[in-house]
Protein backbone atom coordinates (compact mmCIF):
# COMPACT_ATOMS: atom_id res chain seq x y z
CA MET A 1 186.94 -58.61 62.41
CA GLY A 2 188.94 -56.34 64.69
CA LEU A 3 191.47 -55.73 61.94
CA GLY A 4 188.61 -54.89 59.58
CA VAL A 5 187.18 -52.35 62.03
CA VAL A 6 190.56 -50.65 62.40
CA ALA A 7 191.05 -50.64 58.61
CA GLY A 8 187.58 -49.14 58.06
CA PHE A 9 188.21 -46.30 60.48
CA ALA A 10 191.68 -45.69 59.01
CA LEU A 11 190.30 -45.50 55.46
CA ASN A 12 187.64 -43.02 56.59
CA GLN A 13 190.28 -40.79 58.18
CA LEU A 14 192.42 -40.85 55.05
CA GLU A 15 189.47 -39.99 52.81
CA ILE A 16 189.02 -36.71 54.74
CA TYR A 17 192.30 -35.36 53.37
CA PHE A 18 191.37 -35.90 49.71
CA HIS A 19 188.72 -33.92 47.86
CA SER A 20 189.26 -35.18 44.31
CA ARG A 21 186.97 -38.02 43.31
CA SER A 22 189.68 -39.80 41.34
CA LYS A 23 192.14 -39.57 44.23
CA ARG A 24 189.55 -40.93 46.66
CA MET A 25 188.86 -43.86 44.37
CA SER A 26 192.57 -44.56 43.90
CA LEU A 27 193.08 -44.39 47.66
CA SER A 28 190.24 -46.80 48.27
CA VAL A 29 191.57 -49.36 45.80
CA ALA A 30 195.09 -49.07 47.19
CA PHE A 31 193.80 -49.40 50.75
CA VAL A 32 191.81 -52.53 49.90
CA LEU A 33 194.95 -54.10 48.45
CA LEU A 34 196.87 -53.10 51.57
CA THR A 35 194.18 -54.63 53.78
CA VAL A 36 194.31 -57.85 51.77
CA GLY A 37 198.07 -57.96 52.28
CA LEU A 38 197.77 -57.39 56.03
CA SER A 39 195.10 -60.07 56.36
CA MET A 40 197.53 -62.63 54.94
CA VAL A 41 200.06 -62.03 57.71
CA THR A 42 200.47 -64.88 60.19
CA PHE A 43 202.30 -64.88 63.52
CA ASN A 44 202.76 -66.93 66.66
CA ILE A 45 201.80 -66.02 70.21
CA GLY A 46 203.53 -68.67 72.25
CA PRO A 47 202.32 -72.07 71.02
CA ILE A 48 199.31 -70.51 69.23
CA HIS A 49 199.49 -69.86 65.49
CA CYS A 50 197.42 -66.79 64.60
CA GLY A 51 196.13 -65.43 61.32
CA PHE A 52 193.27 -63.49 59.76
CA SER A 53 190.33 -64.35 57.56
CA LEU A 54 190.68 -62.43 54.30
CA LEU A 55 186.93 -62.58 53.73
CA LEU A 56 185.92 -61.28 57.17
CA VAL A 57 188.57 -58.56 57.21
CA CYS A 58 187.43 -57.10 53.88
CA MET A 59 183.73 -57.42 54.73
CA MET A 60 184.23 -55.64 58.06
CA THR A 61 186.33 -52.93 56.45
CA GLY A 62 183.57 -52.17 53.95
CA THR A 63 180.85 -52.31 56.62
CA VAL A 64 182.58 -49.82 58.90
CA PHE A 65 183.66 -47.51 56.09
CA CYS A 66 180.25 -47.32 54.39
CA ASN A 67 178.51 -46.59 57.69
CA ILE A 68 180.77 -43.79 58.93
CA CYS A 69 182.08 -42.10 55.76
CA PRO A 70 179.74 -39.35 54.47
CA THR A 71 181.04 -39.73 50.89
CA SER A 72 180.86 -43.53 50.75
CA ASP A 73 177.72 -43.59 48.57
CA GLU A 74 179.35 -41.47 45.89
CA LEU A 75 182.54 -43.52 46.06
CA MET A 76 180.71 -46.85 45.83
CA ASP A 77 178.75 -45.56 42.83
CA ARG A 78 182.00 -44.77 41.02
CA LEU A 79 183.53 -48.13 41.93
CA ASP A 80 180.45 -50.01 40.71
CA ARG A 81 181.07 -48.69 37.20
CA TRP A 82 184.24 -50.72 36.68
CA VAL A 83 184.03 -53.50 39.25
CA SER A 84 181.86 -55.76 37.02
CA PRO A 85 184.82 -57.21 35.04
CA VAL A 86 186.51 -58.06 38.35
CA ASN A 87 183.36 -59.82 39.54
CA ILE A 88 183.12 -61.76 36.27
CA LEU A 89 186.75 -62.87 36.62
CA PHE A 90 186.11 -63.92 40.24
CA PHE A 91 183.07 -66.01 39.32
CA VAL A 92 184.78 -67.61 36.32
CA LEU A 93 187.84 -68.62 38.34
CA SER A 94 185.66 -69.91 41.18
CA GLY A 95 183.41 -71.87 38.84
CA ALA A 96 186.44 -73.39 37.11
CA GLU A 97 187.23 -75.19 40.36
CA LEU A 98 183.90 -77.07 40.35
CA ASP A 99 184.72 -80.74 39.83
CA LEU A 100 181.50 -82.34 38.57
CA ASN A 101 183.02 -85.81 38.93
CA ILE A 102 182.76 -85.59 42.70
CA LEU A 103 178.97 -85.29 42.33
CA SER A 104 178.90 -88.79 40.86
CA ASP A 105 179.29 -90.02 44.43
CA PRO A 106 175.67 -90.53 45.67
CA LEU A 107 176.60 -89.49 49.21
CA VAL A 108 178.11 -86.18 48.08
CA LEU A 109 175.14 -85.52 45.79
CA LEU A 110 172.79 -86.25 48.69
CA ILE A 111 174.70 -83.80 50.88
CA GLY A 112 174.35 -81.14 48.17
CA VAL A 113 170.61 -81.71 47.77
CA VAL A 114 170.05 -81.67 51.55
CA TYR A 115 172.13 -78.48 51.85
CA ILE A 116 170.13 -76.74 49.12
CA ALA A 117 166.78 -77.87 50.55
CA PHE A 118 167.52 -76.91 54.15
CA ARG A 119 169.12 -73.60 53.22
CA SER A 120 166.02 -72.70 51.22
CA LEU A 121 163.76 -73.82 54.05
CA GLY A 122 165.78 -71.84 56.57
CA LYS A 123 165.73 -68.66 54.48
CA ILE A 124 162.00 -68.77 53.81
CA SER A 125 160.86 -69.87 57.27
CA GLY A 126 163.35 -67.58 59.04
CA ALA A 127 162.22 -64.54 57.07
CA PHE A 128 158.57 -65.41 57.69
CA VAL A 129 158.98 -65.91 61.45
CA SER A 130 161.16 -62.80 61.83
CA GLY A 131 158.77 -60.70 59.75
CA ARG A 132 155.83 -61.87 61.79
CA ALA A 133 157.62 -61.26 65.09
CA THR A 134 158.48 -57.70 64.07
CA HIS A 135 154.98 -57.05 62.67
CA CYS A 136 156.14 -56.47 59.10
CA SER A 137 153.65 -56.30 56.27
CA HIS A 138 152.13 -59.47 54.83
CA ASN A 139 154.10 -59.07 51.60
CA ILE A 140 157.40 -58.97 53.47
CA GLN A 141 156.50 -62.04 55.52
CA LYS A 142 155.45 -63.96 52.41
CA TYR A 143 158.07 -62.98 49.84
CA LEU A 144 161.23 -61.85 51.68
CA GLY A 145 162.57 -65.37 52.14
CA ILE A 146 162.37 -66.12 48.42
CA THR A 147 164.40 -63.03 47.58
CA LEU A 148 167.17 -64.27 49.89
CA LEU A 149 167.75 -67.48 47.93
CA PRO A 150 170.41 -66.23 45.44
CA GLN A 151 173.88 -67.15 46.65
CA ALA A 152 177.19 -66.11 45.16
CA GLY A 153 180.07 -63.94 46.35
CA VAL A 154 180.34 -64.60 50.08
CA ALA A 155 179.60 -68.32 49.65
CA LEU A 156 182.35 -68.62 47.03
CA GLY A 157 184.76 -66.80 49.33
CA MET A 158 183.95 -69.14 52.20
CA ALA A 159 184.28 -72.14 49.88
CA ALA A 160 187.78 -70.97 49.02
CA GLU A 161 188.56 -70.74 52.73
CA ALA A 162 187.10 -74.20 53.33
CA ALA A 163 189.23 -75.66 50.55
CA GLU A 164 192.22 -75.43 52.89
CA LEU A 165 190.63 -77.84 55.40
CA SER A 166 191.15 -81.60 55.38
CA ASP A 167 187.76 -82.27 53.72
CA GLY A 168 187.72 -78.94 51.95
CA HIS A 169 187.59 -80.39 48.44
CA MET A 170 184.17 -81.93 49.07
CA VAL A 171 182.87 -78.86 50.93
CA ARG A 172 184.02 -76.53 48.17
CA ASN A 173 182.37 -78.58 45.45
CA VAL A 174 179.10 -78.91 47.35
CA VAL A 175 179.00 -75.14 47.84
CA LEU A 176 179.93 -74.45 44.21
CA PHE A 177 177.21 -76.86 43.10
CA SER A 178 174.66 -75.08 45.29
CA VAL A 179 175.78 -71.70 43.95
CA LEU A 180 175.26 -73.00 40.42
CA VAL A 181 171.72 -74.11 41.28
CA TYR A 182 170.84 -70.96 43.21
CA GLU A 183 172.19 -68.61 40.55
CA LEU A 184 170.21 -70.42 37.84
CA ALA A 185 166.92 -70.36 39.75
CA GLY A 186 167.42 -67.62 42.36
CA PRO A 187 167.27 -64.46 40.20
CA THR A 188 164.10 -65.66 38.44
CA LEU A 189 162.42 -66.51 41.75
CA THR A 190 163.51 -63.16 43.18
CA LYS A 191 162.02 -61.30 40.23
CA LEU A 192 158.75 -63.21 40.55
CA ALA A 193 158.61 -62.54 44.30
CA LEU A 194 159.33 -58.81 43.92
CA THR A 195 156.75 -58.53 41.16
CA ALA A 196 154.13 -60.35 43.23
CA ALA A 197 154.91 -58.10 46.20
CA GLY A 198 154.47 -55.00 44.04
CA GLU A 199 158.06 -53.82 44.58
CA ILE A 200 158.88 -53.81 40.87
CA ILE A 201 156.72 -53.35 37.80
CA PRO A 202 156.38 -56.20 35.25
CA GLU A 203 158.06 -56.21 31.86
CA GLY A 204 157.30 -53.34 29.54
CA ARG A 205 158.82 -50.66 31.74
CA THR A 206 161.99 -48.66 31.25
CA ASN A 207 162.66 -48.39 34.97
CA ALA A 208 161.98 -51.07 37.57
CA ARG A 209 160.64 -48.55 40.08
CA MET A 210 158.77 -46.13 37.81
CA ALA A 211 155.84 -46.72 35.49
CA ASN A 212 156.28 -45.97 31.82
CA LYS A 213 155.17 -42.54 30.79
CA PRO A 214 154.56 -41.56 27.14
CA GLU A 215 156.93 -38.98 25.75
CA PHE A 216 154.01 -37.04 24.28
CA PRO A 217 150.45 -36.54 25.51
CA VAL A 218 148.23 -39.39 24.35
CA SER A 219 144.68 -38.67 23.29
CA LEU A 220 141.97 -41.31 23.35
CA ASP A 221 139.99 -39.50 20.61
């Protein structure tokens, strides 16, 4: 996390010297690749073997950069336009590692079901208790937990990290199985929760946050 903080501040300082949008984007991509390379470095301090978590380093870099750089919103908007193919490739490669045969073991399947059930319970109850403690609106208390159910990127990254452990194969497959379940049901539940809370407008709109307006004045005569 410390390396991520340093990288985030360094990227912000470098962005100051560039005014072209394309150069800023190129710098950001190059810096992310550099950060990934640095996070893979390992070294020894006496008898202790030290290394970095690729996932935490990149997450911390983005957190620091987006909170201190005044042009981060514009930069992220430009990156979002071409990052979708990369995300698709990431999810396909991650999903290809799901070994469904391991779920034939009743114990592993039970672990997956218990994990899914307790994660859902924790999300919903945690959001409700926190919302109530902070005096949030009734809609937030009731529906926020449901919108937190989808699970994808970070979980897949952690599953890849866990795969290097002694029992990592089972952990990875349980997480991948849960991601499959959550991504099949999660988006639909999130849409229903947001609609019930009045945050988005039901089908028939052209914009999720704005009501449809006729292009020409409509007369009831």
